[in-house]
């Protein structure tokens, strides 16, 4: 859950890098929430409004974490535009599966520092 919250905190940060764990945990939790809203909205009689609002609210964080993950694999963030075409989405996912690059042209390697600041105590 911390990776998801961290991804939302950096909702418009397109610079830097995202580790493989950060990207995939963000994608997993986002997908679980989307599916729950998809089936929960009609079951509660409120239709598709919640899933539509949630999807619109998380478009920018999804793009940002994907661009940062592409940077971590040593690729340009502009590769995210391949997702516009249907088969291109698969290509973007394959690029995101790749190993982290040690090239520091997109920032320092995220494994050298603690990527998750501590959450405030409740």
N, C-alpha and C. Protein backbone atom coordinates (compact mmCIF):
# COMPACT_ATOMS: atom_id res chain seq x y z
N UNK A 1 0.83 -1.20 0.00
CA UNK A 1 0.00 0.00 0.00
C UNK A 1 0.87 1.26 0.00
N UNK A 2 2.07 1.15 0.59
CA UNK A 2 2.95 2.33 0.64
C UNK A 2 3.39 2.76 -0.76
N UNK A 3 3.60 1.79 -1.64
CA UNK A 3 3.99 2.14 -3.01
C UNK A 3 2.86 2.87 -3.73
N UNK A 4 1.64 2.47 -3.46
CA UNK A 4 0.49 3.12 -4.08
C UNK A 4 0.37 4.56 -3.59
N UNK A 5 0.49 4.75 -2.29
CA UNK A 5 0.41 6.10 -1.73
C UNK A 5 1.57 6.95 -2.23
N UNK A 6 2.76 6.35 -2.32
CA UNK A 6 3.91 7.09 -2.84
C UNK A 6 3.69 7.49 -4.30
N UNK A 7 3.08 6.60 -5.08
CA UNK A 7 2.76 6.92 -6.48
C UNK A 7 1.77 8.06 -6.58
N UNK A 8 0.80 8.10 -5.67
CA UNK A 8 -0.16 9.21 -5.67
C UNK A 8 0.48 10.51 -5.20
N UNK A 9 1.42 10.42 -4.27
CA UNK A 9 2.13 11.63 -3.82
C UNK A 9 2.92 12.26 -4.96
N UNK A 10 3.51 11.42 -5.80
CA UNK A 10 4.30 11.91 -6.93
C UNK A 10 3.45 11.88 -8.20
N UNK A 11 2.21 12.32 -8.10
CA UNK A 11 1.24 12.17 -9.20
C UNK A 11 1.64 12.88 -10.47
N UNK A 12 2.44 13.92 -10.39
CA UNK A 12 2.83 14.64 -11.60
C UNK A 12 4.35 14.73 -11.74
N UNK A 13 5.06 13.80 -11.13
CA UNK A 13 6.52 13.77 -11.22
C UNK A 13 6.92 12.84 -12.35
N UNK A 14 7.32 13.42 -13.46
CA UNK A 14 7.71 12.64 -14.61
C UNK A 14 9.22 12.50 -14.72
N UNK A 15 9.95 13.08 -13.77
CA UNK A 15 11.41 12.95 -13.75
C UNK A 15 11.78 11.95 -12.67
N UNK A 16 12.92 11.35 -12.83
CA UNK A 16 13.37 10.38 -11.85
C UNK A 16 13.05 8.96 -12.28
N UNK A 17 13.11 8.06 -11.31
CA UNK A 17 12.96 6.65 -11.60
C UNK A 17 11.99 6.00 -10.63
N UNK A 18 11.37 4.91 -11.06
CA UNK A 18 10.49 4.11 -10.21
C UNK A 18 10.97 2.67 -10.27
N UNK A 19 11.16 2.05 -9.13
CA UNK A 19 11.60 0.67 -9.11
C UNK A 19 10.52 -0.24 -9.67
N UNK A 20 10.93 -1.45 -9.97
CA UNK A 20 9.98 -2.43 -10.48
C UNK A 20 8.87 -2.69 -9.47
N UNK A 21 9.24 -2.80 -8.20
CA UNK A 21 8.25 -3.05 -7.15
C UNK A 21 7.26 -1.89 -7.04
N UNK A 22 7.77 -0.66 -7.11
CA UNK A 22 6.89 0.51 -7.02
C UNK A 22 5.88 0.51 -8.17
N UNK A 23 6.35 0.25 -9.38
CA UNK A 23 5.46 0.26 -10.54
C UNK A 23 4.40 -0.83 -10.45
N UNK A 24 4.83 -2.07 -10.17
CA UNK A 24 3.89 -3.19 -10.20
C UNK A 24 2.94 -3.16 -9.01
N UNK A 25 3.38 -2.72 -7.85
CA UNK A 25 2.47 -2.62 -6.72
C UNK A 25 1.44 -1.52 -6.96
N UNK A 26 1.87 -0.42 -7.55
CA UNK A 26 0.92 0.63 -7.90
C UNK A 26 -0.11 0.11 -8.89
N UNK A 27 0.35 -0.62 -9.91
CA UNK A 27 -0.56 -1.16 -10.92
C UNK A 27 -1.52 -2.19 -10.31
N UNK A 28 -1.01 -3.02 -9.41
CA UNK A 28 -1.86 -4.04 -8.79
C UNK A 28 -2.95 -3.42 -7.93
N UNK A 29 -2.57 -2.51 -7.06
CA UNK A 29 -3.55 -1.89 -6.16
C UNK A 29 -4.54 -1.05 -6.96
N UNK A 30 -4.07 -0.34 -7.97
CA UNK A 30 -4.96 0.45 -8.83
C UNK A 30 -5.97 -0.46 -9.54
N UNK A 31 -5.52 -1.60 -10.02
CA UNK A 31 -6.41 -2.54 -10.69
C UNK A 31 -7.44 -3.13 -9.74
N UNK A 32 -7.02 -3.46 -8.53
CA UNK A 32 -7.95 -4.02 -7.53
C UNK A 32 -9.04 -2.99 -7.20
N UNK A 33 -8.64 -1.75 -7.00
CA UNK A 33 -9.62 -0.70 -6.69
C UNK A 33 -10.57 -0.49 -7.87
N UNK A 34 -10.04 -0.48 -9.07
CA UNK A 34 -10.88 -0.30 -10.26
C UNK A 34 -11.89 -1.43 -10.40
N UNK A 35 -11.45 -2.66 -10.22
CA UNK A 35 -12.37 -3.81 -10.34
C UNK A 35 -13.42 -3.76 -9.24
N UNK A 36 -13.01 -3.40 -8.02
CA UNK A 36 -13.98 -3.31 -6.92
C UNK A 36 -15.03 -2.24 -7.21
N UNK A 37 -14.62 -1.11 -7.74
CA UNK A 37 -15.58 -0.06 -8.09
C UNK A 37 -16.44 -0.46 -9.27
N UNK A 38 -15.85 -1.19 -10.21
CA UNK A 38 -16.59 -1.62 -11.40
C UNK A 38 -17.76 -2.53 -11.03
N UNK A 39 -17.51 -3.45 -10.11
CA UNK A 39 -18.57 -4.36 -9.70
C UNK A 39 -19.39 -3.81 -8.54
N UNK A 40 -18.78 -2.98 -7.71
CA UNK A 40 -19.47 -2.45 -6.54
C UNK A 40 -20.47 -1.35 -6.87
N UNK A 41 -20.16 -0.52 -7.83
CA UNK A 41 -21.05 0.57 -8.20
C UNK A 41 -22.42 0.10 -8.65
N UNK A 42 -22.48 -0.77 -9.65
CA UNK A 42 -23.79 -1.28 -10.08
C UNK A 42 -24.49 -2.10 -8.99
N UNK A 43 -23.72 -2.81 -8.17
CA UNK A 43 -24.34 -3.61 -7.11
C UNK A 43 -25.02 -2.72 -6.08
N UNK A 44 -24.47 -1.54 -5.86
CA UNK A 44 -25.06 -0.59 -4.91
C UNK A 44 -26.10 0.30 -5.56
N UNK A 45 -26.26 0.18 -6.86
CA UNK A 45 -27.26 0.96 -7.57
C UNK A 45 -26.81 2.35 -7.95
N UNK A 46 -25.51 2.62 -7.93
CA UNK A 46 -25.03 3.96 -8.30
C UNK A 46 -24.35 3.97 -9.66
N UNK A 47 -24.40 2.86 -10.36
CA UNK A 47 -23.91 2.79 -11.73
C UNK A 47 -22.40 2.85 -11.84
N UNK A 48 -21.94 3.38 -12.94
CA UNK A 48 -20.51 3.43 -13.25
C UNK A 48 -19.85 4.74 -12.86
N UNK A 49 -20.53 5.59 -12.14
CA UNK A 49 -19.98 6.89 -11.76
C UNK A 49 -18.70 6.75 -10.93
N UNK A 50 -18.65 5.89 -9.89
CA UNK A 50 -17.42 5.81 -9.09
C UNK A 50 -16.20 5.35 -9.89
N UNK A 51 -16.37 4.33 -10.73
CA UNK A 51 -15.22 3.85 -11.50
C UNK A 51 -14.77 4.90 -12.52
N UNK A 52 -15.70 5.63 -13.09
CA UNK A 52 -15.33 6.69 -14.03
C UNK A 52 -14.56 7.80 -13.34
N UNK A 53 -15.03 8.25 -12.20
CA UNK A 53 -14.34 9.31 -11.45
C UNK A 53 -12.96 8.84 -10.98
N UNK A 54 -12.88 7.61 -10.49
CA UNK A 54 -11.59 7.09 -10.03
C UNK A 54 -10.61 6.97 -11.19
N UNK A 55 -11.07 6.49 -12.32
CA UNK A 55 -10.20 6.35 -13.49
C UNK A 55 -9.69 7.71 -13.95
N UNK A 56 -10.56 8.69 -13.99
CA UNK A 56 -10.13 10.04 -14.38
C UNK A 56 -9.14 10.63 -13.37
N UNK A 57 -9.35 10.32 -12.10
CA UNK A 57 -8.47 10.86 -11.06
C UNK A 57 -7.09 10.22 -11.08
N UNK A 58 -6.98 9.00 -11.57
CA UNK A 58 -5.69 8.30 -11.53
C UNK A 58 -5.00 8.20 -12.89
N UNK A 59 -5.49 8.88 -13.89
CA UNK A 59 -4.82 8.86 -15.20
C UNK A 59 -3.42 9.45 -15.09
N UNK A 60 -3.29 10.61 -14.51
CA UNK A 60 -1.99 11.28 -14.40
C UNK A 60 -1.01 10.49 -13.52
N UNK A 61 -1.40 10.00 -12.33
CA UNK A 61 -0.46 9.18 -11.56
C UNK A 61 -0.03 7.91 -12.30
N UNK A 62 -0.93 7.28 -13.05
CA UNK A 62 -0.56 6.10 -13.83
C UNK A 62 0.47 6.43 -14.89
N UNK A 63 0.27 7.53 -15.60
CA UNK A 63 1.24 7.94 -16.61
C UNK A 63 2.59 8.28 -15.97
N UNK A 64 2.55 8.97 -14.84
CA UNK A 64 3.79 9.38 -14.18
C UNK A 64 4.61 8.18 -13.70
N UNK A 65 3.96 7.22 -13.06
CA UNK A 65 4.71 6.06 -12.56
C UNK A 65 5.22 5.21 -13.73
N UNK A 66 4.48 5.16 -14.84
CA UNK A 66 4.95 4.42 -16.01
C UNK A 66 6.15 5.10 -16.64
N UNK A 67 6.12 6.42 -16.74
CA UNK A 67 7.26 7.15 -17.30
C UNK A 67 8.49 6.97 -16.41
N UNK A 68 8.30 7.05 -15.09
CA UNK A 68 9.44 6.86 -14.19
C UNK A 68 9.98 5.43 -14.27
N UNK A 69 9.10 4.45 -14.48
CA UNK A 69 9.56 3.07 -14.63
C UNK A 69 10.35 2.91 -15.93
N UNK A 70 9.88 3.54 -17.01
CA UNK A 70 10.63 3.49 -18.26
C UNK A 70 11.99 4.14 -18.10
N UNK A 71 12.06 5.23 -17.35
CA UNK A 71 13.35 5.86 -17.07
C UNK A 71 14.26 4.89 -16.32
N UNK A 72 13.70 4.13 -15.39
CA UNK A 72 14.50 3.20 -14.61
C UNK A 72 15.07 2.08 -15.47
N UNK A 73 14.38 1.73 -16.54
CA UNK A 73 14.90 0.69 -17.44
C UNK A 73 15.83 1.28 -18.50
N UNK A 74 16.07 2.58 -18.44
CA UNK A 74 16.99 3.22 -19.38
C UNK A 74 16.33 3.68 -20.66
N UNK A 75 15.02 3.78 -20.68
CA UNK A 75 14.30 4.20 -21.88
C UNK A 75 13.68 5.58 -21.68
N UNK A 76 13.39 6.22 -22.78
CA UNK A 76 12.73 7.53 -22.73
C UNK A 76 11.28 7.37 -22.28
N UNK A 77 10.79 8.35 -21.55
CA UNK A 77 9.40 8.35 -21.12
C UNK A 77 8.43 8.49 -22.27
N UNK A 78 8.91 8.98 -23.40
CA UNK A 78 8.04 9.13 -24.56
C UNK A 78 7.57 7.78 -25.09
N UNK A 79 8.20 6.69 -24.68
CA UNK A 79 7.75 5.37 -25.10
C UNK A 79 6.37 5.03 -24.57
N UNK A 80 5.91 5.77 -23.59
CA UNK A 80 4.56 5.55 -23.07
C UNK A 80 3.51 5.82 -24.14
N UNK A 81 3.85 6.62 -25.13
CA UNK A 81 2.90 6.93 -26.21
C UNK A 81 2.59 5.72 -27.07
N UNK A 82 3.42 4.65 -27.00
CA UNK A 82 3.10 3.43 -27.74
C UNK A 82 1.78 2.85 -27.24
N UNK A 83 1.38 3.19 -26.02
CA UNK A 83 0.14 2.69 -25.47
C UNK A 83 -1.10 3.22 -26.18
N UNK A 84 -0.94 4.18 -27.04
CA UNK A 84 -2.08 4.72 -27.79
C UNK A 84 -2.64 3.68 -28.75
N UNK A 85 -1.74 2.90 -29.35
CA UNK A 85 -2.21 1.86 -30.26
C UNK A 85 -2.38 0.55 -29.47
N UNK A 86 -3.34 -0.28 -29.84
CA UNK A 86 -3.65 -1.47 -29.04
C UNK A 86 -2.46 -2.39 -28.76
N UNK A 87 -1.70 -2.75 -29.75
CA UNK A 87 -0.58 -3.67 -29.55
C UNK A 87 0.57 -2.96 -28.82
N UNK A 88 0.57 -1.63 -28.86
CA UNK A 88 1.61 -0.86 -28.20
C UNK A 88 1.55 -0.96 -26.69
N UNK A 89 0.37 -1.17 -26.14
CA UNK A 89 0.24 -1.33 -24.68
C UNK A 89 1.02 -2.53 -24.20
N UNK A 90 1.00 -3.59 -24.99
CA UNK A 90 1.76 -4.79 -24.63
C UNK A 90 3.25 -4.48 -24.68
N UNK A 91 3.68 -3.71 -25.66
CA UNK A 91 5.09 -3.33 -25.77
C UNK A 91 5.53 -2.51 -24.57
N UNK A 92 4.69 -1.60 -24.11
CA UNK A 92 5.02 -0.78 -22.94
C UNK A 92 5.15 -1.67 -21.71
N UNK A 93 4.24 -2.61 -21.54
CA UNK A 93 4.33 -3.53 -20.41
C UNK A 93 5.60 -4.36 -20.46
N UNK A 94 5.98 -4.81 -21.64
CA UNK A 94 7.21 -5.58 -21.77
C UNK A 94 8.41 -4.72 -21.42
N UNK A 95 8.39 -3.45 -21.82
CA UNK A 95 9.49 -2.55 -21.47
C UNK A 95 9.57 -2.34 -19.95
N UNK A 96 8.42 -2.31 -19.30
CA UNK A 96 8.39 -2.08 -17.85
C UNK A 96 8.84 -3.30 -17.06
N UNK A 97 8.83 -4.46 -17.67
CA UNK A 97 9.27 -5.68 -16.99
C UNK A 97 10.79 -5.74 -16.89
N UNK A 98 11.47 -5.03 -17.76
CA UNK A 98 12.92 -5.11 -17.86
C UNK A 98 13.66 -4.76 -16.58
N UNK A 99 14.92 -5.16 -16.57
CA UNK A 99 15.81 -4.88 -15.45
C UNK A 99 16.07 -3.38 -15.32
N UNK A 100 16.37 -2.97 -14.11
CA UNK A 100 16.75 -1.57 -13.88
C UNK A 100 18.11 -1.32 -14.50
N UNK A 101 18.25 -0.15 -15.05
CA UNK A 101 19.52 0.25 -15.66
C UNK A 101 20.38 0.95 -14.63
N UNK A 102 21.67 0.74 -14.70
CA UNK A 102 22.58 1.44 -13.78
C UNK A 102 23.00 2.79 -14.34
N UNK A 103 22.58 3.10 -15.57
CA UNK A 103 22.85 4.40 -16.18
C UNK A 103 22.11 5.48 -15.39
N UNK A 104 22.81 6.52 -15.01
CA UNK A 104 22.21 7.55 -14.18
C UNK A 104 21.78 8.79 -14.96
N UNK A 105 21.47 8.63 -16.24
CA UNK A 105 21.04 9.78 -17.04
C UNK A 105 19.64 10.25 -16.64
N UNK A 106 18.85 9.39 -15.99
CA UNK A 106 17.51 9.78 -15.54
C UNK A 106 17.45 9.97 -14.03
N UNK A 107 18.58 10.03 -13.40
CA UNK A 107 18.62 10.22 -11.95
C UNK A 107 19.35 9.07 -11.29
N UNK A 108 19.60 9.19 -9.99
CA UNK A 108 20.32 8.13 -9.29
C UNK A 108 19.50 6.85 -9.22
N UNK A 109 20.21 5.75 -9.15
CA UNK A 109 19.56 4.46 -9.04
C UNK A 109 18.71 4.42 -7.77
N UNK A 110 17.42 4.09 -7.86
CA UNK A 110 16.55 4.17 -6.70
C UNK A 110 16.87 3.15 -5.61
N UNK A 111 17.65 2.14 -5.90
CA UNK A 111 17.98 1.15 -4.89
C UNK A 111 19.01 1.65 -3.88
N UNK A 112 19.64 2.79 -4.14
CA UNK A 112 20.69 3.28 -3.25
C UNK A 112 20.15 4.10 -2.10
N UNK A 113 18.94 4.57 -2.20
CA UNK A 113 18.33 5.37 -1.13
C UNK A 113 16.99 4.78 -0.78
N UNK A 114 16.46 5.14 0.38
CA UNK A 114 15.15 4.66 0.79
C UNK A 114 14.10 5.40 -0.06
N UNK A 115 13.41 4.67 -0.98
CA UNK A 115 12.46 5.36 -1.87
C UNK A 115 11.16 5.75 -1.17
N UNK A 116 10.90 5.17 -0.02
CA UNK A 116 9.64 5.45 0.65
C UNK A 116 9.87 6.20 1.96
N UNK A 117 9.48 7.47 2.02
CA UNK A 117 9.60 8.18 3.28
C UNK A 117 8.60 7.59 4.28
N UNK A 118 8.90 7.68 5.56
CA UNK A 118 7.96 7.11 6.54
C UNK A 118 6.63 7.86 6.51
N UNK A 119 5.56 7.09 6.69
CA UNK A 119 4.24 7.69 6.75
C UNK A 119 4.03 8.33 8.12
N UNK A 120 3.28 9.42 8.18
CA UNK A 120 3.04 10.05 9.48
C UNK A 120 2.21 9.13 10.38
N UNK A 121 2.49 9.19 11.67
CA UNK A 121 1.76 8.37 12.64
C UNK A 121 0.32 8.87 12.75
N UNK A 122 -0.57 7.94 12.89
CA UNK A 122 -1.99 8.29 13.00
C UNK A 122 -2.42 8.27 14.44
